[in-house]
């Protein structure tokens, strides 16, 4: 257990509260202005006590934090007490895309920017536990008593919430959506079309981090489906770029590199651009939604998602190549015979699939690229088919995923 002072700017208070809540559930003690400074308290004295009595300071890192005068004073005090970093007295936690500047740039940070809540929580707790364990013997042996005996002894925390704070990225998305809807519904001229509104709302959240917000009910059924599909795309992109690597490594550990049975399917819609031009953008969006529904039903129990504009993935533990091919062929058939006429008359949709199986000592990124090459081969053969990806990649092959699927 550690005593942790959480330093933040007022613009990031929701993040500070979320971080504090997670750390306290993990057994740590925290001090932060939002919960521990009451009206009438001496702010400067309290901050001084928090820095001195804590084991280490967490800096809630964002561009706004780096520009705030009081935040600079707080992290500078922690830095001064451990300029070499032997005791990890200053631990930045990056909550938004930003570049640490000056002295902060020299300190390794815990990065939770752009992660889903569960992944962000795991990264935060794993990092703080490592700091607490590595630095314990360099700190006060009575660390667990510091806050209870010092300035914050016998403290009452009437400002601490009684329920878990909402993950801040979720708040940002909901607020962005509500603002757009409110702007539309408050207009009197009625000139803005529903299509324009959909476009604006998509734009307002498309650059935000991936989120697990599928429980939100967006206004209008079609908007609800499109928004959730957009968020799944962000989720899927991040999964293939980062999370899949941990799964691959655990598979190596589990099997000791022998008898690997982890397969990956990448599915890509054939000629979606032509479909959207011929039948309209809304028809194209509805195709994306319905294919996602088909995949989730058939691959129930497996990790599935959208990872490109018209690309989907299915991760299949304990599946051989032949088993993955069988599943992919079934999906191709179901998409082909689906009743697309409900969206537009004469509409026909097919998909192409690439299948690969994890090789010994193969990086996760190579697994994904081989699968992408598989569906490209399928498209070259006319589409609506399944192909196994190449066994090897050329050394000069780009490892940038965006160059292999869009």
Protein backbone atom coordinates (compact mmCIF):
# COMPACT_ATOMS: atom_id res chain seq x y z
CA UNK A 1 0.00 0.00 0.00
CA UNK A 2 1.23 3.48 -0.83
CA UNK A 3 0.28 7.05 0.05
CA UNK A 4 -0.22 8.88 -3.22
CA UNK A 5 -0.76 12.57 -3.90
CA UNK A 6 -2.63 13.16 -7.15
CA UNK A 7 -1.69 16.40 -8.88
CA UNK A 8 -3.93 17.68 -11.66
CA UNK A 9 -5.37 20.78 -13.26
CA UNK A 10 -9.04 21.59 -12.67
CA UNK A 11 -9.83 20.79 -16.31
CA UNK A 12 -8.87 17.17 -15.64
CA UNK A 13 -10.65 16.74 -12.30
CA UNK A 14 -12.80 13.87 -13.63
CA UNK A 15 -9.66 11.98 -14.58
CA UNK A 16 -8.08 12.64 -11.18
CA UNK A 17 -11.16 11.32 -9.39
CA UNK A 18 -11.32 8.22 -11.59
CA UNK A 19 -7.63 7.51 -10.96
CA UNK A 20 -8.00 8.03 -7.20
CA UNK A 21 -11.00 5.71 -7.05
CA UNK A 22 -9.15 2.91 -8.84
CA UNK A 23 -6.10 3.28 -6.61
CA UNK A 24 -8.13 3.25 -3.39
CA UNK A 25 -9.96 0.11 -4.50
CA UNK A 26 -6.50 -1.40 -4.96
CA UNK A 27 -5.60 -0.62 -1.35
CA UNK A 28 -3.68 2.65 -1.69
CA UNK A 29 -4.37 5.91 0.14
CA UNK A 30 -4.77 9.04 -1.96
CA UNK A 31 -4.96 12.79 -1.48
CA UNK A 32 -6.43 15.08 -4.12
CA UNK A 33 -7.85 18.55 -3.93
CA UNK A 34 -11.37 17.59 -5.05
CA UNK A 35 -11.90 15.22 -2.10
CA UNK A 36 -9.55 16.42 0.64
CA UNK A 37 -9.59 20.24 0.59
CA UNK A 38 -12.64 21.79 2.21
CA UNK A 39 -13.80 25.42 2.17
CA UNK A 40 -11.61 27.35 4.59
CA UNK A 41 -8.57 25.08 4.25
CA UNK A 42 -5.20 26.63 3.45
CA UNK A 43 -4.61 25.41 -0.10
CA UNK A 44 -0.84 25.98 -0.17
CA UNK A 45 -0.23 24.36 3.22
CA UNK A 46 -2.31 21.39 2.19
CA UNK A 47 -0.44 20.93 -1.06
CA UNK A 48 2.90 21.16 0.74
CA UNK A 49 1.80 18.50 3.22
CA UNK A 50 0.50 16.25 0.43
CA UNK A 51 3.81 16.37 -1.45
CA UNK A 52 5.95 15.85 1.66
CA UNK A 53 3.86 13.13 3.31
CA UNK A 54 3.14 11.08 0.21
CA UNK A 55 5.28 8.19 -1.03
CA UNK A 56 5.05 9.64 -4.52
CA UNK A 57 3.08 12.08 -6.63
CA UNK A 58 0.99 11.12 -9.62
CA UNK A 59 0.87 13.87 -12.25
CA UNK A 60 -2.32 13.62 -14.34
CA UNK A 61 -0.59 14.47 -17.58
CA UNK A 62 -2.18 16.51 -20.37
CA UNK A 63 -1.30 19.64 -22.33
CA UNK A 64 -3.49 21.63 -19.94
CA UNK A 65 -1.63 20.22 -16.94
CA UNK A 66 1.75 21.26 -18.31
CA UNK A 67 0.53 24.82 -18.78
CA UNK A 68 -1.16 25.28 -15.38
CA UNK A 69 1.00 27.28 -12.88
CA UNK A 70 -0.01 25.39 -9.70
CA UNK A 71 0.42 22.04 -11.43
CA UNK A 72 3.96 23.00 -12.39
CA UNK A 73 4.76 23.86 -8.79
CA UNK A 74 3.36 20.53 -7.54
CA UNK A 75 5.25 18.25 -9.89
CA UNK A 76 8.41 20.37 -9.56
CA UNK A 77 8.36 19.82 -5.77
CA UNK A 78 8.12 16.06 -6.27
CA UNK A 79 10.86 16.15 -8.89
CA UNK A 80 13.18 18.15 -6.61
CA UNK A 81 12.91 15.49 -3.89
CA UNK A 82 14.11 12.80 -6.31
CA UNK A 83 15.86 14.43 -9.30
CA UNK A 84 17.58 11.21 -10.43
CA UNK A 85 14.37 9.19 -10.22
CA UNK A 86 15.72 6.43 -7.97
CA UNK A 87 12.61 6.50 -5.79
CA UNK A 88 10.07 7.30 -8.49
CA UNK A 89 8.70 10.21 -6.44
CA UNK A 90 7.05 11.64 -9.56
CA UNK A 91 4.93 9.31 -11.70
CA UNK A 92 3.13 10.93 -14.67
CA UNK A 93 -0.04 9.24 -15.92
CA UNK A 94 -0.82 10.37 -19.46
CA UNK A 95 -4.59 10.69 -19.93
CA UNK A 96 -4.70 12.44 -23.31
CA UNK A 97 -2.45 12.50 -26.38
CA UNK A 98 0.31 15.00 -25.53
CA UNK A 99 4.08 15.32 -25.57
CA UNK A 100 5.77 15.83 -22.17
CA UNK A 101 8.00 18.88 -22.27
CA UNK A 102 11.14 19.99 -20.46
CA UNK A 103 12.06 17.95 -17.39
CA UNK A 104 8.82 15.95 -17.63
CA UNK A 105 10.02 14.55 -20.95
CA UNK A 106 12.79 12.68 -19.10
CA UNK A 107 10.38 10.72 -16.90
CA UNK A 108 8.74 7.47 -18.01
CA UNK A 109 4.96 7.77 -17.76
CA UNK A 110 2.06 5.36 -17.41
CA UNK A 111 0.03 5.70 -20.59
CA UNK A 112 -3.76 5.25 -20.44
CA UNK A 113 -4.60 7.71 -23.23
CA UNK A 114 -7.00 6.20 -25.73
CA UNK A 115 -7.62 2.96 -23.87
CA UNK A 116 -10.92 1.35 -22.96
CA UNK A 117 -11.73 1.60 -19.27
CA UNK A 118 -10.74 -1.98 -18.35
CA UNK A 119 -7.43 -1.72 -20.19
CA UNK A 120 -6.74 1.74 -18.72
CA UNK A 121 -7.42 0.42 -15.22
CA UNK A 122 -5.07 -2.52 -15.71
CA UNK A 123 -2.29 -0.32 -17.06
CA UNK A 124 -2.70 2.18 -14.21
CA UNK A 125 -2.69 -0.42 -11.44
CA UNK A 126 0.14 -2.44 -12.96
CA UNK A 127 2.31 0.67 -13.21
CA UNK A 128 1.54 1.93 -9.70
CA UNK A 129 2.09 -1.51 -8.16
CA UNK A 130 5.48 -1.72 -9.86
CA UNK A 131 6.44 1.72 -8.55
CA UNK A 132 5.26 0.87 -5.03
CA UNK A 133 7.15 -2.41 -4.96
CA UNK A 134 10.37 -1.14 -6.51
CA UNK A 135 10.61 2.00 -4.38
CA UNK A 136 9.38 0.77 -1.01
CA UNK A 137 12.73 0.22 0.70
CA UNK A 138 13.96 3.61 -0.38
CA UNK A 139 11.02 5.30 1.31
CA UNK A 140 9.71 5.53 4.85
CA UNK A 141 9.19 2.02 6.27
CA UNK A 142 6.06 3.33 8.02
CA UNK A 143 4.55 4.52 4.78
CA UNK A 144 1.10 3.16 5.58
CA UNK A 145 0.85 5.55 8.54
CA UNK A 146 2.02 8.76 6.89
CA UNK A 147 -1.37 10.17 5.90
CA UNK A 148 -3.04 8.97 9.11
CA UNK A 149 -0.50 10.74 11.36
CA UNK A 150 0.30 13.88 9.42
CA UNK A 151 -1.65 16.86 8.08
CA UNK A 152 -4.44 14.63 6.82
CA UNK A 153 -4.93 12.64 10.03
CA UNK A 154 -8.54 12.16 11.13
CA UNK A 155 -9.70 13.70 7.90
CA UNK A 156 -13.34 13.69 6.93
CA UNK A 157 -14.07 13.42 3.20
CA UNK A 158 -17.60 14.69 2.62
CA UNK A 159 -16.67 15.60 -0.97
CA UNK A 160 -15.65 12.07 -1.92
CA UNK A 161 -18.37 10.53 -4.13
CA UNK A 162 -20.25 7.50 -2.82
CA UNK A 163 -20.40 5.80 -6.22
CA UNK A 164 -17.66 5.04 -8.73
CA UNK A 165 -16.83 7.95 -11.05
CA UNK A 166 -17.77 7.49 -14.70
CA UNK A 167 -14.80 6.86 -16.99
CA UNK A 168 -13.99 10.38 -18.28
CA UNK A 169 -13.79 9.48 -21.97
CA UNK A 170 -17.38 8.23 -21.77
CA UNK A 171 -18.45 11.63 -20.44
CA UNK A 172 -16.70 13.40 -23.33
CA UNK A 173 -18.46 11.31 -25.95
CA UNK A 174 -21.89 11.64 -24.36
CA UNK A 175 -21.44 15.40 -24.00
CA UNK A 176 -20.29 15.73 -27.62
CA UNK A 177 -23.31 13.81 -28.87
CA UNK A 178 -25.76 15.70 -26.71
CA UNK A 179 -24.34 19.02 -27.82
CA UNK A 180 -24.83 18.11 -31.46
CA UNK A 181 -28.36 16.84 -30.88
CA UNK A 182 -29.27 19.91 -28.83
CA UNK A 183 -27.91 22.22 -31.51
CA UNK A 184 -30.10 20.49 -34.05
CA UNK A 185 -33.32 20.25 -32.03
CA UNK A 186 -33.10 23.89 -30.94
CA UNK A 187 -32.97 25.18 -34.51
CA UNK A 188 -36.16 26.68 -35.90
CA UNK A 189 -35.29 26.77 -39.58
CA UNK A 190 -35.40 22.99 -40.05
CA UNK A 191 -32.92 23.28 -42.91
CA UNK A 192 -30.39 20.85 -41.48
CA UNK A 193 -31.08 17.35 -42.75
CA UNK A 194 -30.81 14.18 -40.73
CA UNK A 195 -27.89 13.14 -42.95
CA UNK A 196 -26.01 16.33 -42.05
CA UNK A 197 -26.67 15.72 -38.37
CA UNK A 198 -25.35 12.16 -38.61
CA UNK A 199 -22.21 13.45 -40.28
CA UNK A 200 -21.64 16.10 -37.62
CA UNK A 201 -22.10 13.67 -34.74
CA UNK A 202 -19.77 11.13 -36.32
CA UNK A 203 -17.15 13.83 -36.74
CA UNK A 204 -17.54 14.97 -33.14
CA UNK A 205 -16.55 11.57 -31.73
CA UNK A 206 -14.43 9.98 -34.46
CA UNK A 207 -11.19 11.38 -33.05
CA UNK A 208 -11.90 10.53 -29.43
CA UNK A 209 -10.28 7.45 -27.85
CA UNK A 210 -11.88 4.04 -28.26
CA UNK A 211 -14.69 3.51 -25.78
CA UNK A 212 -16.83 0.78 -24.36
CA UNK A 213 -20.09 2.70 -24.70
CA UNK A 214 -22.31 0.23 -26.47
CA UNK A 215 -24.93 0.56 -23.72
CA UNK A 216 -25.66 4.17 -24.72
CA UNK A 217 -28.91 4.67 -26.62
CA UNK A 218 -28.20 7.20 -29.35
CA UNK A 219 -31.18 9.08 -30.80
CA UNK A 220 -32.84 7.33 -33.78
CA UNK A 221 -32.23 3.61 -34.46
CA UNK A 222 -29.98 4.16 -37.47
CA UNK A 223 -27.86 6.71 -35.63
CA UNK A 224 -27.59 4.34 -32.68
CA UNK A 225 -26.31 1.53 -34.91
CA UNK A 226 -23.90 3.75 -36.83
CA UNK A 227 -22.40 5.34 -33.72
CA UNK A 228 -21.80 2.00 -32.03
CA UNK A 229 -20.21 0.64 -35.19
CA UNK A 230 -17.90 3.66 -35.34
CA UNK A 231 -16.82 3.06 -31.74
CA UNK A 232 -16.28 -0.63 -32.42
CA UNK A 233 -13.95 0.35 -35.26
CA UNK A 234 -11.81 2.38 -32.86
CA UNK A 235 -11.91 -0.49 -30.36
CA UNK A 236 -10.85 -2.97 -33.05
CA UNK A 237 -8.02 -0.81 -34.36
CA UNK A 238 -6.53 -0.57 -30.89
CA UNK A 239 -7.04 -4.28 -30.22
CA UNK A 240 -5.01 -5.32 -33.27
CA UNK A 241 -2.33 -2.69 -32.66
CA UNK A 242 -1.72 -3.34 -28.96
CA UNK A 243 -3.88 -5.87 -27.09
CA UNK A 244 -3.39 -8.76 -29.52
CA UNK A 245 0.33 -8.74 -28.76
CA UNK A 246 -0.35 -9.69 -25.11
CA UNK A 247 -2.67 -12.51 -26.22
CA UNK A 248 -0.03 -13.89 -28.59
CA UNK A 249 2.61 -13.81 -25.86
CA UNK A 250 0.32 -15.62 -23.42
CA UNK A 251 -0.32 -18.28 -26.09
CA UNK A 252 3.44 -18.85 -26.38
CA UNK A 253 3.67 -19.24 -22.60
CA UNK A 254 0.66 -21.58 -22.45
CA UNK A 255 1.92 -23.91 -25.18
CA UNK A 256 5.66 -23.34 -24.68
CA UNK A 257 5.78 -22.56 -28.39
CA UNK A 258 4.52 -25.99 -29.42
CA UNK A 259 1.13 -26.92 -30.82
CA UNK A 260 0.02 -23.31 -31.26
CA UNK A 261 -3.70 -23.17 -32.12
CA UNK A 262 -4.53 -19.49 -32.33
CA UNK A 263 -6.14 -18.48 -35.63
CA UNK A 264 -7.21 -15.11 -37.00
CA UNK A 265 -9.80 -14.27 -39.66
CA UNK A 266 -9.93 -10.87 -41.37
CA UNK A 267 -13.09 -10.22 -43.41
CA UNK A 268 -13.44 -7.38 -45.89
CA UNK A 269 -16.59 -6.24 -47.71
CA UNK A 270 -16.32 -6.51 -51.48
CA UNK A 271 -16.83 -3.21 -53.31
CA UNK A 272 -18.39 -1.25 -50.45
CA UNK A 273 -17.44 2.03 -52.14
CA UNK A 274 -19.44 1.05 -55.22
CA UNK A 275 -22.39 0.01 -53.02
CA UNK A 276 -22.37 3.39 -51.27
CA UNK A 277 -22.22 5.29 -54.55
CA UNK A 278 -24.94 3.25 -56.21
CA UNK A 279 -27.37 2.90 -53.32
CA UNK A 280 -26.39 5.83 -51.08
CA UNK A 281 -24.18 6.36 -48.04
CA UNK A 282 -26.91 5.35 -45.61
CA UNK A 283 -27.29 2.01 -47.39
CA UNK A 284 -23.55 1.48 -47.10
CA UNK A 285 -23.67 2.27 -43.39
CA UNK A 286 -26.52 -0.17 -42.86
CA UNK A 287 -24.55 -2.90 -44.66
CA UNK A 288 -21.69 -2.36 -42.21
CA UNK A 289 -24.07 -2.67 -39.26
CA UNK A 290 -25.79 -5.84 -40.49
CA UNK A 291 -22.54 -7.62 -41.36
CA UNK A 292 -21.27 -6.87 -37.85
CA UNK A 293 -24.47 -8.42 -36.46
CA UNK A 294 -24.02 -11.55 -38.60
CA UNK A 295 -20.41 -11.97 -37.47
CA UNK A 296 -21.27 -11.54 -33.79
CA UNK A 297 -24.03 -14.16 -33.98
CA UNK A 298 -21.96 -16.78 -35.82
CA UNK A 299 -18.72 -16.18 -33.91
CA UNK A 300 -20.44 -15.87 -30.53
CA UNK A 301 -18.03 -16.33 -27.63
CA UNK A 302 -15.00 -15.20 -29.63
CA UNK A 303 -13.29 -11.81 -29.80
CA UNK A 304 -14.74 -10.00 -32.83
CA UNK A 305 -14.67 -6.40 -33.98
CA UNK A 306 -14.35 -3.89 -36.77
CA UNK A 307 -10.81 -2.74 -37.53
CA UNK A 308 -11.10 -0.70 -40.73
CA UNK A 309 -13.69 1.11 -42.78
CA UNK A 310 -15.03 -2.20 -44.09
CA UNK A 311 -12.80 -4.78 -42.39
CA UNK A 312 -13.64 -7.07 -39.45
CA UNK A 313 -11.62 -9.53 -37.38
CA UNK A 314 -12.35 -12.76 -35.50
CA UNK A 315 -9.77 -14.16 -33.08
CA UNK A 316 -10.11 -17.91 -32.58
CA UNK A 317 -8.16 -19.53 -29.71
CA UNK A 318 -7.84 -23.33 -29.91
CA UNK A 319 -8.81 -23.31 -33.61
CA UNK A 320 -6.79 -24.95 -36.35
CA UNK A 321 -6.47 -23.41 -39.80
CA UNK A 322 -9.11 -25.77 -41.19
CA UNK A 323 -11.57 -24.90 -38.42
CA UNK A 324 -11.06 -21.19 -39.10
CA UNK A 325 -11.54 -21.72 -42.84
CA UNK A 326 -14.83 -23.55 -42.18
CA UNK A 327 -16.13 -20.66 -40.06
CA UNK A 328 -15.00 -18.05 -42.61
CA UNK A 329 -16.71 -19.90 -45.46
CA UNK A 330 -19.92 -20.10 -43.47
CA UNK A 331 -19.82 -16.34 -42.92
CA UNK A 332 -19.20 -15.68 -46.62
CA UNK A 333 -22.23 -17.79 -47.49
CA UNK A 334 -24.50 -16.16 -44.88
CA UNK A 335 -23.57 -12.66 -46.05
CA UNK A 336 -24.14 -13.61 -49.68
CA UNK A 337 -27.66 -15.05 -49.05
CA UNK A 338 -28.70 -12.37 -46.57
CA UNK A 339 -31.85 -10.42 -47.44
CA UNK A 340 -30.22 -7.17 -48.53
CA UNK A 341 -33.33 -6.06 -50.42
CA UNK A 342 -34.68 -4.71 -47.13
CA UNK A 343 -32.04 -1.97 -47.47
CA UNK A 344 -32.31 -1.41 -51.23
CA UNK A 345 -33.80 -3.36 -54.11
CA UNK A 346 -31.24 -5.22 -56.25
CA UNK A 347 -28.59 -4.80 -53.53
CA UNK A 348 -26.15 -7.72 -53.31
CA UNK A 349 -23.30 -7.95 -50.81
CA UNK A 350 -20.35 -10.34 -50.50
CA UNK A 351 -17.23 -10.51 -48.36
CA UNK A 352 -13.71 -11.89 -48.78
CA UNK A 353 -11.77 -13.52 -45.97
CA UNK A 354 -8.14 -14.18 -45.08
CA UNK A 355 -7.27 -16.91 -42.60
CA UNK A 356 -3.96 -17.47 -40.78
CA UNK A 357 -2.69 -19.46 -37.83
CA UNK A 358 -0.10 -18.20 -35.38
CA UNK A 359 3.42 -19.42 -36.05
CA UNK A 360 6.15 -20.01 -33.52
CA UNK A 361 7.86 -16.77 -32.44
CA UNK A 362 5.64 -14.70 -34.75
CA UNK A 363 4.93 -11.07 -33.75
CA UNK A 364 1.23 -10.23 -33.50
CA UNK A 365 1.55 -7.57 -36.20
CA UNK A 366 2.79 -10.16 -38.71
CA UNK A 367 -0.19 -12.39 -37.94
CA UNK A 368 -2.57 -9.54 -38.81
CA UNK A 369 -0.72 -8.58 -42.00
CA UNK A 370 -0.69 -12.17 -43.25
CA UNK A 371 -4.47 -12.36 -42.72
CA UNK A 372 -4.93 -9.07 -44.61
CA UNK A 373 -2.92 -10.45 -47.51
CA UNK A 374 -5.21 -13.48 -47.45
CA UNK A 375 -8.38 -11.47 -48.04
CA UNK A 376 -6.61 -9.44 -50.74
CA UNK A 377 -5.82 -12.67 -52.57
CA UNK A 378 -9.48 -13.66 -52.20
CA UNK A 379 -10.55 -10.36 -53.78
CA UNK A 380 -8.11 -10.85 -56.66
CA UNK A 381 -9.74 -14.22 -57.28
CA UNK A 382 -13.14 -12.55 -57.65
CA UNK A 383 -14.28 -12.09 -54.05
CA UNK A 384 -16.86 -13.98 -51.99
CA UNK A 385 -14.24 -16.55 -51.02
CA UNK A 386 -11.72 -17.53 -48.36
CA UNK A 387 -7.96 -17.70 -48.82
CA UNK A 388 -5.15 -18.65 -46.45
CA UNK A 389 -2.63 -15.86 -45.96
CA UNK A 390 1.03 -16.34 -46.95
CA UNK A 391 3.23 -18.35 -44.60
CA UNK A 392 6.02 -15.77 -44.64
CA UNK A 393 6.26 -12.00 -45.06
CA UNK A 394 9.06 -10.34 -46.91
CA UNK A 395 11.56 -8.54 -44.69
CA UNK A 396 10.93 -5.27 -46.52
CA UNK A 397 7.17 -5.57 -45.92
CA UNK A 398 5.70 -2.52 -44.16
CA UNK A 399 4.50 -3.28 -40.64
CA UNK A 400 2.10 -0.34 -40.66
CA UNK A 401 -1.38 -1.84 -40.44
CA UNK A 402 -3.07 1.02 -42.28
CA UNK A 403 -1.20 0.04 -45.42
CA UNK A 404 -2.78 -3.42 -45.35
CA UNK A 405 -6.41 -2.61 -44.61
CA UNK A 406 -8.34 0.66 -44.63
